[in-house]
Amino acid sequence: MNLTFSPEEQAFREQVRRFLADALPSDISERVRQGRHLRADDHLRWQSILSEQGWLASNWPKEFGGPGWGPVQRHIFDEECAAAHAPTVVPFGVNMVAPVIMKFGSVEQQQHYLPRILSNQDWWCQGYSEPGAGSDLAGLNTRAVRDGDHYIVNGQKTWTTLGQHANMLFCLVRTDPAAKKQAGISFLLIDMQTPGITVRPIITLDGAHEVNEIFLDNVRVPVENRVGEEGQGWTCAKFLLTHERTGIAGLGHAKQALRHLKSLASRIQHRGKPLLELPSFRQRVVKAELELMALKVTNLRVIAAARDGGVPGAESSLLKVRGSELRQELSELTRRALGPAALPFFPDFLHGDDSLDDERAQSAAASAQYFNRRKLSIYGGANEIQKSIVAKTILNM
């Protein structure tokens, strides 16, 4: 396995850096740098720029309108975007439902939905988790009953990220309650404007309206909106989750968070010396940096396997576990570095007010990000579940 970048890959990194320097709007990158909540327009502006460049769907093959990049190019692109404080592309359309449609969808579905994702016409959200079916996703109870050319869908989904902006929902539903749990699930594409859909906000600890609960009351969904065969939804779901968990590692964002932490700890004084020279604090920073280096190597190993024709398996669970734990640790250390300065909470600033100076702005986001990062070890498959997957499939325990 060769973990070094070739001259061509290094040249590609320089190309990405030049593009980001020229095209990334400064007001959007500043909001990301300060840890503020992005507005829907911020996401759409940046994604439109990427779309014009042909780089929005970095993981798509050329035949579907993507740039046809390999895994190494995608890794480099993600790293450089994080370093430049570019917003993360909203993943539900480009990175999650699109690969499912490419692999399991009909030609008609591919021709209709994929161009609309590329042009930002559709904002997708994910209908997986339910109040009684989170980590045990196969225990979902949302029902879809066949009625001629439609399904009648009833149920509830929760933790639907950015669902308040979405016009499309990809949804797991139970079409055969008598079958084995996984065998009775189907995968539907649902127009959010369909009568019977209600979206209610869930306000998180940092004061953000990021997630929602969605109620479906006798929602009529055309059978032609089912992806794959009836009862094949669990196969689609597992395929999608593998893509999701590989991205959740957030390596580029962790590297950026470490740089920010070390910069803070070098400036903040403790008893006349930089905090980074305090042995107890320095030890935790060094440990986090070593774990980040190990995560990077593991990520590159997965990339190298993919470059040689492999597909992510249980390794994606490993990346998800270590990546989420590391990002939580970095947010904890940042909050500790700021000390009492991290206590004030300015929700107006996080949502839109520009009145704080840069020093207070960094402090304002620290606690909010700390609380928000608690979710990382839960969503996308709880870490406890992912550890069980690793134990069974890799360690044969």
Protein backbone atom coordinates (compact mmCIF):
# COMPACT_ATOMS: atom_id res chain seq x y z
CA MET A 1 0.00 0.00 0.00
CA ASN A 2 1.42 3.38 -1.05
CA LEU A 3 0.16 6.20 1.19
CA THR A 4 2.11 8.99 -0.51
CA PHE A 5 0.48 11.34 -3.00
CA SER A 6 1.66 11.27 -6.59
CA PRO A 7 2.80 14.42 -8.44
CA GLU A 8 -0.54 14.40 -10.28
CA GLU A 9 -2.42 14.25 -6.99
CA GLN A 10 -0.33 17.08 -5.56
CA ALA A 11 -1.09 19.14 -8.67
CA PHE A 12 -4.78 18.42 -8.15
CA ARG A 13 -4.48 19.69 -4.55
CA GLU A 14 -3.04 22.97 -5.85
CA GLN A 15 -5.89 23.25 -8.36
CA VAL A 16 -8.44 22.82 -5.56
CA ARG A 17 -6.69 25.43 -3.41
CA ARG A 18 -6.72 27.97 -6.24
CA PHE A 19 -10.39 27.33 -6.89
CA LEU A 20 -11.29 27.78 -3.21
CA ALA A 21 -9.25 30.97 -2.97
CA ASP A 22 -11.05 32.44 -5.98
CA ALA A 23 -14.59 31.07 -5.67
CA LEU A 24 -15.46 30.56 -1.98
CA PRO A 25 -17.47 33.61 -0.79
CA SER A 26 -15.65 35.27 2.10
CA ASP A 27 -18.81 35.89 4.13
CA ILE A 28 -19.70 32.20 4.03
CA SER A 29 -16.19 31.00 4.94
CA GLU A 30 -16.15 33.51 7.81
CA ARG A 31 -19.38 32.11 9.21
CA VAL A 32 -17.91 28.60 9.03
CA ARG A 33 -14.64 29.73 10.64
CA GLN A 34 -16.50 31.35 13.53
CA GLY A 35 -18.65 28.27 14.10
CA ARG A 36 -21.92 30.05 13.31
CA HIS A 37 -25.07 28.40 12.01
CA LEU A 38 -25.35 28.54 8.23
CA ARG A 39 -28.54 29.70 6.56
CA ALA A 40 -30.19 27.76 3.76
CA ASP A 41 -29.05 30.44 1.30
CA ASP A 42 -25.43 29.98 2.41
CA HIS A 43 -25.58 26.30 1.52
CA LEU A 44 -27.33 26.91 -1.79
CA ARG A 45 -24.96 29.70 -2.86
CA TRP A 46 -21.90 27.55 -2.26
CA GLN A 47 -23.42 24.45 -3.81
CA SER A 48 -24.40 26.42 -6.90
CA ILE A 49 -20.77 27.55 -7.27
CA LEU A 50 -19.60 23.95 -6.96
CA SER A 51 -22.24 22.83 -9.45
CA GLU A 52 -21.09 25.39 -12.04
CA GLN A 53 -17.53 24.13 -11.56
CA GLY A 54 -18.73 20.53 -11.98
CA TRP A 55 -17.52 19.62 -8.49
CA LEU A 56 -20.73 19.44 -6.46
CA ALA A 57 -21.10 15.66 -6.81
CA SER A 58 -17.47 14.78 -6.12
CA ASN A 59 -18.33 11.10 -5.59
CA TRP A 60 -20.35 10.66 -8.82
CA PRO A 61 -19.02 8.95 -11.94
CA LYS A 62 -18.93 10.89 -15.18
CA GLU A 63 -21.82 8.99 -16.75
CA PHE A 64 -24.16 10.50 -14.15
CA GLY A 65 -22.76 14.03 -14.36
CA GLY A 66 -20.01 13.88 -11.75
CA PRO A 67 -16.32 14.72 -12.21
CA GLY A 68 -15.34 11.05 -12.15
CA TRP A 69 -12.80 11.54 -9.36
CA GLY A 70 -11.18 8.61 -7.65
CA PRO A 71 -11.17 8.20 -3.85
CA VAL A 72 -7.83 10.00 -3.45
CA GLN A 73 -9.05 13.08 -5.30
CA ARG A 74 -12.21 13.14 -3.18
CA HIS A 75 -10.09 12.87 -0.03
CA ILE A 76 -7.89 15.77 -1.14
CA PHE A 77 -10.93 17.87 -2.06
CA ASP A 78 -12.57 17.29 1.33
CA GLU A 79 -9.33 18.13 3.16
CA GLU A 80 -8.82 21.38 1.30
CA CYS A 81 -12.47 22.45 1.70
CA ALA A 82 -12.21 21.96 5.46
CA ALA A 83 -8.93 23.88 5.60
CA ALA A 84 -10.49 26.79 3.66
CA HIS A 85 -13.59 26.87 5.94
CA ALA A 86 -15.92 25.89 3.13
CA PRO A 87 -19.37 24.61 4.13
CA THR A 88 -19.89 20.89 4.05
CA VAL A 89 -22.11 19.98 1.12
CA VAL A 90 -25.55 18.99 2.43
CA PRO A 91 -25.08 15.24 2.05
CA PHE A 92 -28.59 13.84 1.81
CA GLY A 93 -29.05 14.32 -1.92
CA VAL A 94 -25.54 14.23 -3.37
CA ASN A 95 -23.85 11.70 -1.12
CA MET A 96 -26.67 9.54 0.22
CA VAL A 97 -29.79 9.10 -1.89
CA ALA A 98 -28.01 9.64 -5.23
CA PRO A 99 -25.73 6.57 -4.91
CA VAL A 100 -28.81 4.50 -3.99
CA ILE A 101 -30.68 5.73 -7.08
CA MET A 102 -27.63 5.03 -9.24
CA LYS A 103 -27.33 1.45 -7.98
CA PHE A 104 -30.93 0.39 -7.36
CA GLY A 105 -33.11 2.96 -9.12
CA SER A 106 -34.80 2.68 -12.50
CA VAL A 107 -33.52 4.51 -15.55
CA GLU A 108 -36.51 6.86 -15.27
CA GLN A 109 -35.64 7.65 -11.64
CA GLN A 110 -32.02 8.28 -12.53
CA GLN A 111 -32.92 10.57 -15.41
CA HIS A 112 -35.40 12.54 -13.31
CA TYR A 113 -33.77 12.91 -9.89
CA LEU A 114 -30.02 13.00 -10.51
CA PRO A 115 -29.99 16.15 -12.71
CA ARG A 116 -32.24 17.90 -10.15
CA ILE A 117 -29.73 17.11 -7.39
CA LEU A 118 -26.87 18.47 -9.49
CA SER A 119 -28.77 21.71 -10.19
CA ASN A 120 -29.89 22.15 -6.55
CA GLN A 121 -33.55 21.94 -7.57
CA ASP A 122 -34.21 19.35 -4.88
CA TRP A 123 -33.17 19.56 -1.23
CA TRP A 124 -33.38 16.06 0.23
CA CYS A 125 -33.78 14.93 3.83
CA GLN A 126 -33.52 11.48 5.39
CA GLY A 127 -36.46 9.54 6.86
CA TYR A 128 -34.74 6.73 8.74
CA SER A 129 -34.87 7.13 12.54
CA GLU A 130 -38.13 6.88 14.46
CA PRO A 131 -38.91 7.41 18.16
CA GLY A 132 -38.67 3.64 18.70
CA ALA A 133 -36.20 2.79 15.95
CA GLY A 134 -32.87 4.57 16.10
CA SER A 135 -29.94 2.22 16.53
CA ASP A 136 -32.38 -0.65 15.94
CA LEU A 137 -33.38 0.80 12.60
CA ALA A 138 -34.95 -2.45 11.43
CA GLY A 139 -37.56 -2.00 14.17
CA LEU A 140 -39.20 0.90 12.34
CA ASN A 141 -43.01 1.09 12.35
CA THR A 142 -43.87 3.62 9.64
CA ARG A 143 -46.32 1.68 7.44
CA ALA A 144 -46.90 1.83 3.71
CA VAL A 145 -50.00 0.00 2.49
CA ARG A 146 -50.46 -0.63 -1.24
CA ASP A 147 -53.56 1.02 -2.74
CA GLY A 148 -53.52 0.53 -6.50
CA ASP A 149 -50.76 2.66 -7.99
CA HIS A 150 -49.96 4.31 -4.64
CA TYR A 151 -48.75 3.52 -1.16
CA ILE A 152 -50.61 5.05 1.79
CA VAL A 153 -47.92 5.98 4.32
CA ASN A 154 -48.53 6.55 8.04
CA GLY A 155 -45.94 7.03 10.76
CA GLN A 156 -43.36 9.32 12.29
CA LYS A 157 -39.70 10.05 11.60
CA THR A 158 -37.39 11.95 13.93
CA TRP A 159 -33.99 13.71 14.01
CA THR A 160 -34.58 14.73 10.38
CA THR A 161 -31.66 17.06 9.74
CA LEU A 162 -32.53 20.27 7.85
CA GLY A 163 -35.92 18.83 7.01
CA GLN A 164 -37.41 22.33 7.36
CA HIS A 165 -35.65 23.28 4.08
CA ALA A 166 -36.28 20.04 2.18
CA ASN A 167 -38.74 19.44 -0.63
CA MET A 168 -37.91 15.73 -0.96
CA LEU A 169 -37.66 12.89 1.57
CA PHE A 170 -36.13 9.45 1.11
CA CYS A 171 -37.86 7.19 3.55
CA LEU A 172 -37.74 3.65 4.92
CA VAL A 173 -41.22 2.20 5.39
CA ARG A 174 -42.64 -1.16 6.40
CA THR A 175 -44.55 -2.71 3.52
CA ASP A 176 -44.85 -6.25 4.92
CA PRO A 177 -45.42 -6.41 8.70
CA ALA A 178 -45.58 -10.22 8.59
CA ALA A 179 -42.08 -10.64 7.15
CA LYS A 180 -38.80 -10.75 9.04
CA LYS A 181 -38.00 -7.21 10.19
CA GLN A 182 -35.39 -6.45 7.54
CA ALA A 183 -37.31 -8.25 4.77
CA GLY A 184 -40.48 -6.20 5.20
CA ILE A 185 -38.93 -2.77 4.50
CA SER A 186 -39.08 -0.71 1.30
CA PHE A 187 -37.35 2.50 0.18
CA LEU A 188 -39.60 5.37 -0.99
CA LEU A 189 -38.96 8.82 -2.47
CA ILE A 190 -41.56 11.25 -1.12
CA ASP A 191 -42.43 14.77 -2.24
CA MET A 192 -42.56 16.89 0.93
CA GLN A 193 -45.41 18.97 -0.54
CA THR A 194 -47.72 15.94 -0.51
CA PRO A 195 -50.78 16.46 1.72
CA GLY A 196 -50.49 14.80 5.12
CA ILE A 197 -46.85 15.69 5.91
CA THR A 198 -46.15 17.82 8.99
CA VAL A 199 -42.67 19.03 9.97
CA ARG A 200 -42.09 20.12 13.57
CA PRO A 201 -38.80 21.60 14.81
CA ILE A 202 -36.58 20.11 17.50
CA ILE A 203 -34.37 22.79 19.07
CA THR A 204 -30.99 21.39 20.10
CA LEU A 205 -28.83 22.28 23.12
CA ASP A 206 -26.96 24.96 21.18
CA GLY A 207 -30.23 26.72 20.35
CA ALA A 208 -30.22 25.63 16.71
CA HIS A 209 -33.12 24.45 14.58
CA GLU A 210 -31.11 21.74 12.89
CA VAL A 211 -33.32 18.68 13.32
CA ASN A 212 -37.02 17.96 13.10
CA GLU A 213 -39.70 15.35 13.57
CA ILE A 214 -41.87 14.49 10.58
CA PHE A 215 -45.39 13.11 10.79
CA LEU A 216 -46.93 11.26 7.84
CA ASP A 217 -50.72 10.99 7.93
CA ASN A 218 -52.26 9.05 5.03
CA VAL A 219 -49.61 10.33 2.63
CA ARG A 220 -50.14 9.03 -0.91
CA VAL A 221 -46.88 8.07 -2.63
CA PRO A 222 -46.82 6.73 -6.21
CA VAL A 223 -45.51 3.17 -6.47
CA GLU A 224 -43.14 4.44 -9.17
CA ASN A 225 -41.35 6.35 -6.37
CA ARG A 226 -40.19 3.10 -4.78
CA VAL A 227 -36.48 2.42 -5.33
CA GLY A 228 -35.79 -1.24 -6.03
CA GLU A 229 -38.22 -4.05 -5.43
CA GLU A 230 -40.73 -4.10 -2.61
CA GLY A 231 -38.98 -5.48 0.45
CA GLN A 232 -35.51 -4.50 -0.85
CA GLY A 233 -35.33 -1.36 1.30
CA TRP A 234 -32.96 -2.85 3.85
CA THR A 235 -30.42 -3.58 1.11
CA CYS A 236 -30.69 0.06 -0.02
CA ALA A 237 -30.41 1.25 3.59
CA LYS A 238 -27.22 -0.71 4.30
CA PHE A 239 -25.65 0.52 1.06
CA LEU A 240 -26.48 4.12 1.97
CA LEU A 241 -25.23 3.82 5.57
CA THR A 242 -21.84 2.57 4.39
CA HIS A 243 -21.43 5.79 2.38
CA GLU A 244 -22.71 7.89 5.29
CA ARG A 245 -20.41 6.40 7.93
CA THR A 246 -17.30 6.73 5.80
CA GLY A 247 -17.97 10.48 5.50
CA ILE A 248 -18.86 10.92 9.17
CA ALA A 249 -15.20 10.41 10.12
CA GLY A 250 -14.78 14.11 9.31
CA LEU A 251 -11.01 13.90 8.98
CA GLY A 252 -10.62 17.30 7.33
CA HIS A 253 -12.75 19.00 9.97
CA ALA A 254 -10.82 17.27 12.76
CA LYS A 255 -7.52 18.52 11.31
CA GLN A 256 -8.89 22.05 11.13
CA ALA A 257 -10.20 21.80 14.72
CA LEU A 258 -6.76 20.64 15.92
CA ARG A 259 -5.03 23.57 14.21
CA HIS A 260 -7.50 25.96 15.85
CA LEU A 261 -7.00 24.34 19.27
CA LYS A 262 -3.20 24.54 19.08
CA SER A 263 -3.39 28.16 17.99
CA LEU A 264 -5.63 29.01 20.95
CA ALA A 265 -3.51 27.08 23.43
CA SER A 266 -0.36 28.83 22.18
CA ARG A 267 -1.90 32.29 22.78
CA ILE A 268 -3.83 31.75 26.01
CA GLN A 269 -1.67 32.21 29.11
CA HIS A 270 -1.71 30.08 32.25
CA ARG A 271 0.44 31.35 35.12
CA GLY A 272 2.57 33.34 32.72
CA LYS A 273 3.09 30.56 30.19
CA PRO A 274 1.17 29.41 27.12
CA LEU A 275 -1.48 26.86 28.01
CA LEU A 276 0.07 24.46 25.51
CA GLU A 277 3.13 24.23 27.80
CA LEU A 278 1.02 23.03 30.75
CA PRO A 279 1.94 19.29 30.96
CA SER A 280 -1.56 18.00 31.76
CA PHE A 281 -3.14 19.97 28.90
CA ARG A 282 -0.33 19.37 26.44
CA GLN A 283 -0.57 15.62 27.06
CA ARG A 284 -4.22 15.57 25.95
CA VAL A 285 -3.47 17.67 22.87
CA VAL A 286 -0.57 15.41 21.87
CA LYS A 287 -2.72 12.32 22.42
CA ALA A 288 -5.46 13.81 20.20
CA GLU A 289 -2.89 14.63 17.51
CA LEU A 290 -1.50 11.09 17.57
CA GLU A 291 -5.02 9.66 17.29
CA LEU A 292 -5.70 11.97 14.37
CA MET A 293 -2.55 10.72 12.64
CA ALA A 294 -3.69 7.13 13.19
CA LEU A 295 -7.17 7.96 11.88
CA LYS A 296 -5.63 9.56 8.81
CA VAL A 297 -3.62 6.42 8.06
CA THR A 298 -6.71 4.23 8.53
CA ASN A 299 -8.70 6.52 6.25
CA LEU A 300 -5.96 6.38 3.62
CA ARG A 301 -5.92 2.57 3.87
CA VAL A 302 -9.65 2.52 3.09
CA ILE A 303 -9.03 4.96 0.22
CA ALA A 304 -6.18 2.82 -1.11
CA ALA A 305 -8.44 -0.26 -1.05
CA ALA A 306 -11.18 1.66 -2.85
CA ARG A 307 -8.68 2.89 -5.44
CA ASP A 308 -7.79 -0.74 -6.13
CA GLY A 309 -11.44 -1.68 -6.63
CA GLY A 310 -12.54 -2.50 -3.08
CA VAL A 311 -15.63 -1.16 -1.33
CA PRO A 312 -15.86 0.14 2.26
CA GLY A 313 -17.14 -2.49 4.66
CA ALA A 314 -16.83 -2.66 8.43
CA GLU A 315 -13.90 -0.24 8.12
CA SER A 316 -16.47 2.53 7.65
CA SER A 317 -17.77 1.71 11.15
CA LEU A 318 -14.24 2.00 12.50
CA LEU A 319 -13.81 5.42 10.88
CA LYS A 320 -17.15 6.56 12.24
CA VAL A 321 -16.32 5.53 15.84
CA ARG A 322 -12.84 7.01 16.01
CA GLY A 323 -13.71 10.11 13.99
CA SER A 324 -16.67 11.03 16.19
CA GLU A 325 -14.77 10.39 19.44
CA LEU A 326 -11.85 12.49 18.25
CA ARG A 327 -14.00 15.45 17.21
CA GLN A 328 -15.75 15.33 20.59
CA GLU A 329 -12.40 15.39 22.36
CA LEU A 330 -11.19 18.37 20.30
CA SER A 331 -14.35 20.35 21.10
CA GLU A 332 -13.89 19.51 24.78
CA LEU A 333 -10.26 20.69 24.75
CA THR A 334 -11.20 23.90 22.93
CA ARG A 335 -13.82 24.67 25.55
CA ARG A 336 -11.30 23.97 28.32
CA ALA A 337 -8.67 26.15 26.67
CA LEU A 338 -11.05 29.12 26.64
CA GLY A 339 -12.02 28.54 30.26
CA PRO A 340 -14.58 31.05 31.63
CA ALA A 341 -14.56 32.84 28.25
CA ALA A 342 -16.46 29.86 26.81
CA LEU A 343 -19.37 30.34 29.23
CA PRO A 344 -21.23 33.23 27.56
CA PHE A 345 -23.78 32.06 25.03
CA PHE A 346 -24.84 34.44 22.26
CA PRO A 347 -27.59 32.77 20.21
CA ASP A 348 -28.22 35.97 18.22
CA PHE A 349 -24.62 35.94 17.04
CA LEU A 350 -24.68 32.27 16.13
CA HIS A 351 -27.83 32.79 14.06
CA GLY A 352 -27.15 36.13 12.39
CA ASP A 353 -26.01 39.11 14.51
CA ASP A 354 -22.56 40.34 13.40
CA SER A 355 -21.85 42.66 16.33
CA LEU A 356 -19.24 40.57 18.23
CA ASP A 357 -15.51 41.05 17.71
CA ASP A 358 -13.48 38.05 16.55
CA GLU A 359 -12.17 37.08 19.98
CA ARG A 360 -15.62 37.01 21.56
CA ALA A 361 -17.01 35.32 18.46
CA GLN A 362 -14.65 32.36 18.89
CA SER A 363 -15.68 32.07 22.54
CA ALA A 364 -19.37 32.30 21.65
CA ALA A 365 -19.20 29.21 19.46
CA ALA A 366 -17.12 27.05 21.79
CA SER A 367 -19.84 25.86 24.15
CA ALA A 368 -22.41 25.61 21.37
CA GLN A 369 -20.08 23.39 19.35
CA TYR A 370 -19.23 21.32 22.42
CA PHE A 371 -22.89 20.56 23.05
CA ASN A 372 -23.62 19.98 19.36
CA ARG A 373 -20.73 17.51 19.01
CA ARG A 374 -22.34 15.23 21.62
CA LYS A 375 -24.55 13.92 18.82
CA LEU A 376 -21.63 12.62 16.74
CA SER A 377 -21.36 9.35 18.64
CA ILE A 378 -25.12 8.72 18.28
CA TYR A 379 -26.25 9.62 14.77
CA GLY A 380 -25.35 7.60 11.70
CA GLY A 381 -25.45 4.50 13.91
CA ALA A 382 -24.57 4.71 17.61
CA ASN A 383 -20.90 4.02 18.36
CA GLU A 384 -21.82 1.04 20.55
CA ILE A 385 -23.53 -0.56 17.55
CA GLN A 386 -20.59 0.24 15.28
CA LYS A 387 -18.17 -1.37 17.74
CA SER A 388 -20.28 -4.53 17.66
CA ILE A 389 -20.10 -4.53 13.85
CA VAL A 390 -16.30 -4.22 14.00
CA ALA A 391 -16.09 -6.99 16.61
CA LYS A 392 -18.18 -9.39 14.55
CA THR A 393 -16.93 -8.72 11.04
CA ILE A 394 -13.26 -7.82 11.58
CA LEU A 395 -12.32 -9.49 14.89
CA ASN A 396 -14.65 -12.50 14.47
CA MET A 397 -15.82 -12.19 18.06
